[in-house]
């Protein structure tokens, strides 16, 4: 998602059409979440390839070691 799309979705919240604002914000949230999930997965793979432990990765993500291993350990 580019910055313009995000700013447009946020600006829609102040507009006259609350339905459109909700729809635009919802779609922006989904897109941002997907992009962050992909970026996080790449960072975890790079960290593991560089020798980082699951514990260190878990600390960085502020989750348990078990949670991070469950999410990324079988990929």
PDB file of N, CA and C in Angstrom:
ATOM      1  N   UNK A   1       0.856  -1.175   0.000  1.00  0.00           N
ATOM      2  CA  UNK A   1       0.000   0.000   0.000  1.00  0.00           C
ATOM      3  C   UNK A   1       0.890   1.221   0.000  1.00  0.00           C
ATOM      4  N   UNK A   2       0.582   2.136  -0.861  1.00  0.00           N
ATOM      5  CA  UNK A   2       1.368   3.358  -0.882  1.00  0.00           C
ATOM      6  C   UNK A   2       0.797   4.373   0.104  1.00  0.00           C
ATOM      7  N   UNK A   3       1.594   5.374   0.401  1.00  0.00           N
ATOM      8  CA  UNK A   3       1.231   6.389   1.389  1.00  0.00           C
ATOM      9  C   UNK A   3      -0.034   7.142   0.994  1.00  0.00           C
ATOM     10  N   UNK A   4      -0.206   7.394  -0.287  1.00  0.00           N
ATOM     11  CA  UNK A   4      -1.382   8.135  -0.768  1.00  0.00           C
ATOM     12  C   UNK A   4      -2.668   7.367  -0.485  1.00  0.00           C
ATOM     13  N   UNK A   5      -2.650   6.062  -0.728  1.00  0.00           N
ATOM     14  CA  UNK A   5      -3.831   5.236  -0.473  1.00  0.00           C
ATOM     15  C   UNK A   5      -4.202   5.256   1.000  1.00  0.00           C
ATOM     16  N   UNK A   6      -3.203   5.145   1.847  1.00  0.00           N
ATOM     17  CA  UNK A   6      -3.454   5.179   3.283  1.00  0.00           C
ATOM     18  C   UNK A   6      -4.010   6.537   3.709  1.00  0.00           C
ATOM     19  N   UNK A   7      -3.423   7.609   3.232  1.00  0.00           N
ATOM     20  CA  UNK A   7      -3.904   8.951   3.586  1.00  0.00           C
ATOM     21  C   UNK A   7      -5.332   9.178   3.084  1.00  0.00           C
ATOM     22  N   UNK A   8      -5.648   8.651   1.912  1.00  0.00           N
ATOM     23  CA  UNK A   8      -6.998   8.774   1.370  1.00  0.00           C
ATOM     24  C   UNK A   8      -7.996   8.040   2.255  1.00  0.00           C
ATOM     25  N   UNK A   9      -7.633   6.840   2.696  1.00  0.00           N
ATOM     26  CA  UNK A   9      -8.526   6.063   3.569  1.00  0.00           C
ATOM     27  C   UNK A   9      -8.742   6.778   4.893  1.00  0.00           C
ATOM     28  N   UNK A  10      -7.684   7.334   5.449  1.00  0.00           N
ATOM     29  CA  UNK A  10      -7.807   8.059   6.720  1.00  0.00           C
ATOM     30  C   UNK A  10      -8.642   9.318   6.537  1.00  0.00           C
ATOM     31  N   UNK A  11      -8.426  10.023   5.443  1.00  0.00           N
ATOM     32  CA  UNK A  11      -9.190  11.246   5.174  1.00  0.00           C
ATOM     33  C   UNK A  11     -10.670  10.946   4.982  1.00  0.00           C
ATOM     34  N   UNK A  12     -10.982   9.771   4.449  1.00  0.00           N
ATOM     35  CA  UNK A  12     -12.381   9.395   4.227  1.00  0.00           C
ATOM     36  C   UNK A  12     -13.159   9.362   5.538  1.00  0.00           C
ATOM     37  N   UNK A  13     -12.478   9.113   6.637  1.00  0.00           N
ATOM     38  CA  UNK A  13     -13.140   9.073   7.939  1.00  0.00           C
ATOM     39  C   UNK A  13     -13.764  10.412   8.302  1.00  0.00           C
ATOM     40  N   UNK A  14     -13.217  11.493   7.763  1.00  0.00           N
ATOM     41  CA  UNK A  14     -13.748  12.832   8.028  1.00  0.00           C
ATOM     42  C   UNK A  14     -14.767  13.274   6.978  1.00  0.00           C
ATOM     43  N   UNK A  15     -15.013  12.410   5.997  1.00  0.00           N
ATOM     44  CA  UNK A  15     -15.920  12.772   4.907  1.00  0.00           C
ATOM     45  C   UNK A  15     -17.379  12.673   5.303  1.00  0.00           C
ATOM     46  N   UNK A  16     -18.234  12.908   4.315  1.00  0.00           N
ATOM     47  CA  UNK A  16     -19.679  12.914   4.543  1.00  0.00           C
ATOM     48  C   UNK A  16     -20.321  11.543   4.401  1.00  0.00           C
ATOM     49  N   UNK A  17     -19.587  10.560   3.912  1.00  0.00           N
ATOM     50  CA  UNK A  17     -20.144   9.232   3.680  1.00  0.00           C
ATOM     51  C   UNK A  17     -19.513   8.235   4.648  1.00  0.00           C
ATOM     52  N   UNK A  18     -20.150   8.003   5.796  1.00  0.00           N
ATOM     53  CA  UNK A  18     -19.546   7.119   6.792  1.00  0.00           C
ATOM     54  C   UNK A  18     -19.403   5.679   6.298  1.00  0.00           C
ATOM     55  N   UNK A  19     -20.304   5.212   5.436  1.00  0.00           N
ATOM     56  CA  UNK A  19     -20.176   3.860   4.897  1.00  0.00           C
ATOM     57  C   UNK A  19     -18.897   3.728   4.072  1.00  0.00           C
ATOM     58  N   UNK A  20     -18.664   4.700   3.204  1.00  0.00           N
ATOM     59  CA  UNK A  20     -17.447   4.676   2.391  1.00  0.00           C
ATOM     60  C   UNK A  20     -16.209   4.756   3.274  1.00  0.00           C
ATOM     61  N   UNK A  21     -16.270   5.590   4.296  1.00  0.00           N
ATOM     62  CA  UNK A  21     -15.138   5.721   5.208  1.00  0.00           C
ATOM     63  C   UNK A  21     -14.837   4.386   5.877  1.00  0.00           C
ATOM     64  N   UNK A  22     -15.856   3.721   6.380  1.00  0.00           N
ATOM     65  CA  UNK A  22     -15.647   2.434   7.034  1.00  0.00           C
ATOM     66  C   UNK A  22     -15.092   1.400   6.063  1.00  0.00           C
ATOM     67  N   UNK A  23     -15.647   1.365   4.860  1.00  0.00           N
ATOM     68  CA  UNK A  23     -15.186   0.415   3.853  1.00  0.00           C
ATOM     69  C   UNK A  23     -13.726   0.681   3.484  1.00  0.00           C
ATOM     70  N   UNK A  24     -13.385   1.944   3.235  1.00  0.00           N
ATOM     71  CA  UNK A  24     -12.013   2.292   2.856  1.00  0.00           C
ATOM     72  C   UNK A  24     -11.021   1.981   3.979  1.00  0.00           C
ATOM     73  N   UNK A  25     -11.408   2.300   5.204  1.00  0.00           N
ATOM     74  CA  UNK A  25     -10.534   2.018   6.342  1.00  0.00           C
ATOM     75  C   UNK A  25     -10.353   0.514   6.544  1.00  0.00           C
ATOM     76  N   UNK A  26     -11.422  -0.233   6.382  1.00  0.00           N
ATOM     77  CA  UNK A  26     -11.351  -1.688   6.533  1.00  0.00           C
ATOM     78  C   UNK A  26     -10.402  -2.287   5.490  1.00  0.00           C
ATOM     79  N   UNK A  27     -10.549  -1.863   4.241  1.00  0.00           N
ATOM     80  CA  UNK A  27      -9.689  -2.385   3.174  1.00  0.00           C
ATOM     81  C   UNK A  27      -8.232  -1.971   3.393  1.00  0.00           C
ATOM     82  N   UNK A  28      -8.011  -0.767   3.859  1.00  0.00           N
ATOM     83  CA  UNK A  28      -6.651  -0.313   4.150  1.00  0.00           C
ATOM     84  C   UNK A  28      -6.030  -1.154   5.262  1.00  0.00           C
ATOM     85  N   UNK A  29      -6.819  -1.436   6.294  1.00  0.00           N
ATOM     86  CA  UNK A  29      -6.315  -2.247   7.415  1.00  0.00           C
ATOM     87  C   UNK A  29      -5.922  -3.640   6.931  1.00  0.00           C
ATOM     88  N   UNK A  30      -6.747  -4.246   6.094  1.00  0.00           N
ATOM     89  CA  UNK A  30      -6.438  -5.579   5.566  1.00  0.00           C
ATOM     90  C   UNK A  30      -5.147  -5.551   4.760  1.00  0.00           C
ATOM     91  N   UNK A  31      -5.021  -4.572   3.890  1.00  0.00           N
ATOM     92  CA  UNK A  31      -3.830  -4.482   3.048  1.00  0.00           C
ATOM     93  C   UNK A  31      -2.574  -4.237   3.880  1.00  0.00           C
ATOM     94  N   UNK A  32      -2.660  -3.343   4.845  1.00  0.00           N
ATOM     95  CA  UNK A  32      -1.511  -3.061   5.706  1.00  0.00           C
ATOM     96  C   UNK A  32      -1.123  -4.302   6.499  1.00  0.00           C
ATOM     97  N   UNK A  33      -2.110  -5.001   7.030  1.00  0.00           N
ATOM     98  CA  UNK A  33      -1.836  -6.209   7.806  1.00  0.00           C
ATOM     99  C   UNK A  33      -1.133  -7.249   6.957  1.00  0.00           C
ATOM    100  N   UNK A  34      -1.593  -7.442   5.735  1.00  0.00           N
ATOM    101  CA  UNK A  34      -0.946  -8.416   4.837  1.00  0.00           C
ATOM    102  C   UNK A  34       0.491  -8.022   4.548  1.00  0.00           C
ATOM    103  N   UNK A  35       0.722  -6.754   4.274  1.00  0.00           N
ATOM    104  CA  UNK A  35       2.083  -6.302   3.984  1.00  0.00           C
ATOM    105  C   UNK A  35       2.993  -6.476   5.196  1.00  0.00           C
ATOM    106  N   UNK A  36       2.493  -6.153   6.385  1.00  0.00           N
ATOM    107  CA  UNK A  36       3.298  -6.324   7.591  1.00  0.00           C
ATOM    108  C   UNK A  36       3.565  -7.790   7.880  1.00  0.00           C
ATOM    109  N   UNK A  37       2.578  -8.651   7.659  1.00  0.00           N
ATOM    110  CA  UNK A  37       2.773 -10.090   7.862  1.00  0.00           C
ATOM    111  C   UNK A  37       3.862 -10.628   6.939  1.00  0.00           C
ATOM    112  N   UNK A  38       3.837 -10.207   5.665  1.00  0.00           N
ATOM    113  CA  UNK A  38       4.872 -10.650   4.719  1.00  0.00           C
ATOM    114  C   UNK A  38       6.249 -10.149   5.149  1.00  0.00           C
ATOM    115  N   UNK A  39       6.325  -8.894   5.538  1.00  0.00           N
ATOM    116  CA  UNK A  39       7.606  -8.320   5.955  1.00  0.00           C
ATOM    117  C   UNK A  39       8.133  -9.016   7.205  1.00  0.00           C
ATOM    118  N   UNK A  40       7.249  -9.319   8.146  1.00  0.00           N
ATOM    119  CA  UNK A  40       7.658 -10.006   9.366  1.00  0.00           C
ATOM    120  C   UNK A  40       8.183 -11.399   9.043  1.00  0.00           C
ATOM    121  N   UNK A  41       7.501 -12.126   8.172  1.00  0.00           N
ATOM    122  CA  UNK A  41       7.947 -13.472   7.798  1.00  0.00           C
ATOM    123  C   UNK A  41       9.335 -13.430   7.160  1.00  0.00           C
ATOM    124  N   UNK A  42       9.574 -12.454   6.308  1.00  0.00           N
ATOM    125  CA  UNK A  42      10.887 -12.313   5.680  1.00  0.00           C
ATOM    126  C   UNK A  42      11.946 -12.030   6.738  1.00  0.00           C
ATOM    127  N   UNK A  43      11.634 -11.135   7.669  1.00  0.00           N
ATOM    128  CA  UNK A  43      12.590 -10.783   8.720  1.00  0.00           C
ATOM    129  C   UNK A  43      12.897 -11.989   9.612  1.00  0.00           C
ATOM    130  N   UNK A  44      11.888 -12.787   9.915  1.00  0.00           N
ATOM    131  CA  UNK A  44      12.108 -13.988  10.729  1.00  0.00           C
ATOM    132  C   UNK A  44      13.012 -14.965   9.974  1.00  0.00           C
ATOM    133  N   UNK A  45      12.747 -15.180   8.687  1.00  0.00           N
ATOM    134  CA  UNK A  45      13.601 -16.089   7.893  1.00  0.00           C
ATOM    135  C   UNK A  45      15.044 -15.592   7.862  1.00  0.00           C
ATOM    136  N   UNK A  46      15.219 -14.293   7.690  1.00  0.00           N
ATOM    137  CA  UNK A  46      16.568 -13.727   7.670  1.00  0.00           C
ATOM    138  C   UNK A  46      17.244 -13.875   9.024  1.00  0.00           C
ATOM    139  N   UNK A  47      16.496 -13.646  10.083  1.00  0.00           N
ATOM    140  CA  UNK A  47      17.060 -13.782  11.428  1.00  0.00           C
ATOM    141  C   UNK A  47      17.489 -15.221  11.690  1.00  0.00           C
ATOM    142  N   UNK A  48      16.657 -16.173  11.307  1.00  0.00           N
ATOM    143  CA  UNK A  48      17.012 -17.582  11.495  1.00  0.00           C
ATOM    144  C   UNK A  48      18.222 -17.947  10.649  1.00  0.00           C
ATOM    145  N   UNK A  49      18.268 -17.468   9.409  1.00  0.00           N
ATOM    146  CA  UNK A  49      19.396 -17.767   8.527  1.00  0.00           C
ATOM    147  C   UNK A  49      20.697 -17.179   9.083  1.00  0.00           C
ATOM    148  N   UNK A  50      20.573 -16.078   9.822  1.00  0.00           N
ATOM    149  CA  UNK A  50      21.744 -15.437  10.422  1.00  0.00           C
ATOM    150  C   UNK A  50      22.110 -16.061  11.770  1.00  0.00           C
ATOM    151  N   UNK A  51      21.338 -17.064  12.191  1.00  0.00           N
ATOM    152  CA  UNK A  51      21.670 -17.778  13.418  1.00  0.00           C
ATOM    153  C   UNK A  51      20.915 -17.340  14.660  1.00  0.00           C
ATOM    154  N   UNK A  52      19.941 -16.486  14.522  1.00  0.00           N
ATOM    155  CA  UNK A  52      19.170 -16.047  15.692  1.00  0.00           C
ATOM    156  C   UNK A  52      18.323 -17.194  16.231  1.00  0.00           C
ATOM    157  N   UNK A  53      18.231 -17.268  17.529  1.00  0.00           N
ATOM    158  CA  UNK A  53      17.416 -18.306  18.170  1.00  0.00           C
ATOM    159  C   UNK A  53      15.941 -17.913  18.121  1.00  0.00           C
ATOM    160  N   UNK A  54      15.094 -18.913  18.303  1.00  0.00           N
ATOM    161  CA  UNK A  54      13.661 -18.638  18.384  1.00  0.00           C
ATOM    162  C   UNK A  54      13.377 -17.723  19.568  1.00  0.00           C
ATOM    163  N   UNK A  55      14.129 -17.896  20.650  1.00  0.00           N
ATOM    164  CA  UNK A  55      13.931 -17.057  21.833  1.00  0.00           C
ATOM    165  C   UNK A  55      14.219 -15.590  21.528  1.00  0.00           C
ATOM    166  N   UNK A  56      15.299 -15.317  20.810  1.00  0.00           N
ATOM    167  CA  UNK A  56      15.647 -13.938  20.471  1.00  0.00           C
ATOM    168  C   UNK A  56      14.593 -13.323  19.545  1.00  0.00           C
ATOM    169  N   UNK A  57      14.134 -14.096  18.576  1.00  0.00           N
ATOM    170  CA  UNK A  57      13.095 -13.618  17.660  1.00  0.00           C
ATOM    171  C   UNK A  57      11.811 -13.345  18.441  1.00  0.00           C
ATOM    172  N   UNK A  58      11.469 -14.250  19.350  1.00  0.00           N
ATOM    173  CA  UNK A  58      10.269 -14.072  20.173  1.00  0.00           C
ATOM    174  C   UNK A  58      10.365 -12.800  21.010  1.00  0.00           C
ATOM    175  N   UNK A  59      11.516 -12.525  21.572  1.00  0.00           N
ATOM    176  CA  UNK A  59      11.694 -11.306  22.352  1.00  0.00           C
ATOM    177  C   UNK A  59      11.474 -10.064  21.487  1.00  0.00           C
ATOM    178  N   UNK A  60      12.007 -10.092  20.274  1.00  0.00           N
ATOM    179  CA  UNK A  60      11.847  -8.948  19.381  1.00  0.00           C
ATOM    180  C   UNK A  60      10.379  -8.727  19.017  1.00  0.00           C
ATOM    181  N   UNK A  61       9.639  -9.821  18.851  1.00  0.00           N
ATOM    182  CA  UNK A  61       8.229  -9.724  18.463  1.00  0.00           C
ATOM    183  C   UNK A  61       7.284  -9.629  19.658  1.00  0.00           C
ATOM    184  N   UNK A  62       7.858  -9.717  20.858  1.00  0.00           N
ATOM    185  CA  UNK A  62       7.086  -9.637  22.110  1.00  0.00           C
ATOM    186  C   UNK A  62       5.995 -10.704  22.187  1.00  0.00           C
ATOM    187  N   UNK A  63       6.412 -11.927  21.830  1.00  0.00           N
ATOM    188  CA  UNK A  63       5.545 -13.098  21.956  1.00  0.00           C
ATOM    189  C   UNK A  63       6.364 -14.206  22.596  1.00  0.00           C
ATOM    190  N   UNK A  64       5.719 -15.316  22.883  1.00  0.00           N
ATOM    191  CA  UNK A  64       6.460 -16.438  23.458  1.00  0.00           C
ATOM    192  C   UNK A  64       7.269 -17.155  22.378  1.00  0.00           C
ATOM    193  N   UNK A  65       8.289 -17.865  22.827  1.00  0.00           N
ATOM    194  CA  UNK A  65       9.092 -18.661  21.898  1.00  0.00           C
ATOM    195  C   UNK A  65       8.216 -19.682  21.185  1.00  0.00           C
ATOM    196  N   UNK A  66       7.288 -20.267  21.925  1.00  0.00           N
ATOM    197  CA  UNK A  66       6.393 -21.264  21.343  1.00  0.00           C
ATOM    198  C   UNK A  66       5.512 -20.648  20.258  1.00  0.00           C
ATOM    199  N   UNK A  67       5.025 -19.437  20.504  1.00  0.00           N
ATOM    200  CA  UNK A  67       4.145 -18.778  19.525  1.00  0.00           C
ATOM    201  C   UNK A  67       4.890 -18.485  18.233  1.00  0.00           C
ATOM    202  N   UNK A  68       6.113 -17.964  18.335  1.00  0.00           N
ATOM    203  CA  UNK A  68       6.855 -17.636  17.120  1.00  0.00           C
ATOM    204  C   UNK A  68       7.275 -18.898  16.376  1.00  0.00           C
ATOM    205  N   UNK A  69       7.635 -19.941  17.120  1.00  0.00           N
ATOM    206  CA  UNK A  69       8.005 -21.188  16.460  1.00  0.00           C
ATOM    207  C   UNK A  69       6.791 -21.832  15.782  1.00  0.00           C
ATOM    208  N   UNK A  70       5.652 -21.760  16.430  1.00  0.00           N
ATOM    209  CA  UNK A  70       4.437 -22.318  15.838  1.00  0.00           C
ATOM    210  C   UNK A  70       4.072 -21.585  14.545  1.00  0.00           C
ATOM    211  N   UNK A  71       4.232 -20.268  14.552  1.00  0.00           N
ATOM    212  CA  UNK A  71       3.843 -19.459  13.390  1.00  0.00           C
ATOM    213  C   UNK A  71       4.847 -19.596  12.242  1.00  0.00           C
ATOM    214  N   UNK A  72       6.136 -19.663  12.559  1.00  0.00           N
ATOM    215  CA  UNK A  72       7.159 -19.611  11.513  1.00  0.00           C
ATOM    216  C   UNK A  72       8.061 -20.850  11.432  1.00  0.00           C
ATOM    217  N   UNK A  73       7.969 -21.724  12.394  1.00  0.00           N
ATOM    218  CA  UNK A  73       8.899 -22.839  12.458  1.00  0.00           C
ATOM    219  C   UNK A  73       8.719 -23.910  11.416  1.00  0.00           C
ATOM    220  N   UNK A  74       7.573 -24.002  10.826  1.00  0.00           N
ATOM    221  CA  UNK A  74       7.302 -25.070   9.881  1.00  0.00           C
ATOM    222  C   UNK A  74       7.265 -24.587   8.433  1.00  0.00           C
ATOM    223  N   UNK A  75       7.784 -23.420   8.196  1.00  0.00           N
ATOM    224  CA  UNK A  75       7.743 -22.850   6.838  1.00  0.00           C
ATOM    225  C   UNK A  75       8.962 -23.207   6.052  1.00  0.00           C
TER     226      UNK A  75
END
